[in-house]
Amino acid sequence: MRIDRDSGCVIVRQRPGTAKGFLFLSMEDESGITNVIVSPDLFEQERMVVTRARFLLVEGPLQN
């Protein structure tokens, strides 16, 4: 498993009621679109940042 960092402009935030508290983000930068899954624990810890920030830097496992 590779740990990677990505930054970009948040273009979509989704937190469906059926997702058990997970938040799904789509971010865009010059290389394309990245999909990010935010766990419920991290969401509660960083609620203001993930719900309000236009640009984010994320770090975590990369999956292709």
Protein backbone atom coordinates (compact mmCIF):
# COMPACT_ATOMS: atom_id res chain seq x y z
CA MET A 1 0.00 0.00 0.00
CA ARG A 2 1.33 3.40 -0.96
CA ILE A 3 0.72 6.53 1.10
CA ASP A 4 0.20 9.55 -1.09
CA ARG A 5 -0.63 13.24 -0.79
CA ASP A 6 -2.91 15.18 -3.06
CA SER A 7 -4.25 18.69 -3.03
CA GLY A 8 -6.92 20.36 -5.06
CA CYS A 9 -10.16 22.25 -5.31
CA VAL A 10 -13.15 20.49 -3.77
CA ILE A 11 -15.79 20.18 -6.47
CA VAL A 12 -18.28 17.80 -4.78
CA ARG A 13 -19.05 16.82 -1.18
CA GLN A 14 -21.46 13.95 -0.51
CA ARG A 15 -22.55 12.49 2.81
CA PRO A 16 -25.41 10.11 2.02
CA GLY A 17 -27.54 8.84 4.87
CA THR A 18 -26.84 5.25 3.78
CA ALA A 19 -23.04 5.67 4.04
CA LYS A 20 -22.83 5.18 7.83
CA GLY A 21 -21.24 8.60 8.39
CA PHE A 22 -18.61 8.48 5.64
CA LEU A 23 -18.03 11.62 3.56
CA PHE A 24 -17.09 11.42 -0.12
CA LEU A 25 -15.14 14.25 -1.73
CA SER A 26 -14.19 14.85 -5.34
CA MET A 27 -11.21 17.14 -5.79
CA GLU A 28 -9.77 18.55 -8.99
CA ASP A 29 -6.28 19.75 -9.85
CA GLU A 30 -4.21 20.08 -13.02
CA SER A 31 -3.79 16.29 -13.28
CA GLY A 32 -7.50 15.43 -13.02
CA ILE A 33 -10.07 14.40 -10.44
CA THR A 34 -9.34 12.56 -7.19
CA ASN A 35 -11.99 10.83 -5.09
CA VAL A 36 -11.47 10.90 -1.32
CA ILE A 37 -13.26 8.91 1.39
CA VAL A 38 -13.32 10.55 4.84
CA SER A 39 -14.04 8.26 7.81
CA PRO A 40 -16.71 9.25 10.35
CA ASP A 41 -14.07 9.76 13.08
CA LEU A 42 -11.95 12.08 10.93
CA PHE A 43 -15.07 13.90 9.76
CA GLU A 44 -16.07 14.69 13.35
CA GLN A 45 -12.51 15.74 14.21
CA GLU A 46 -12.13 18.05 11.17
CA ARG A 47 -15.77 18.93 10.45
CA MET A 48 -15.23 22.65 9.78
CA VAL A 49 -12.33 22.07 7.41
CA VAL A 50 -13.89 19.30 5.29
CA THR A 51 -17.27 21.03 5.03
CA ARG A 52 -16.11 24.60 4.35
CA ALA A 53 -12.64 24.68 2.77
CA ARG A 54 -12.44 25.25 -0.99
CA PHE A 55 -8.99 23.65 -1.26
CA LEU A 56 -7.68 20.67 0.71
CA LEU A 57 -4.48 18.72 1.12
CA VAL A 58 -5.20 15.06 1.87
CA GLU A 59 -2.89 12.22 2.83
CA GLY A 60 -3.64 8.53 2.92
CA PRO A 61 -3.49 5.20 1.14
CA LEU A 62 -3.65 5.40 -2.64
CA GLN A 63 -5.86 2.94 -4.45
CA ASN A 64 -6.08 2.59 -8.23
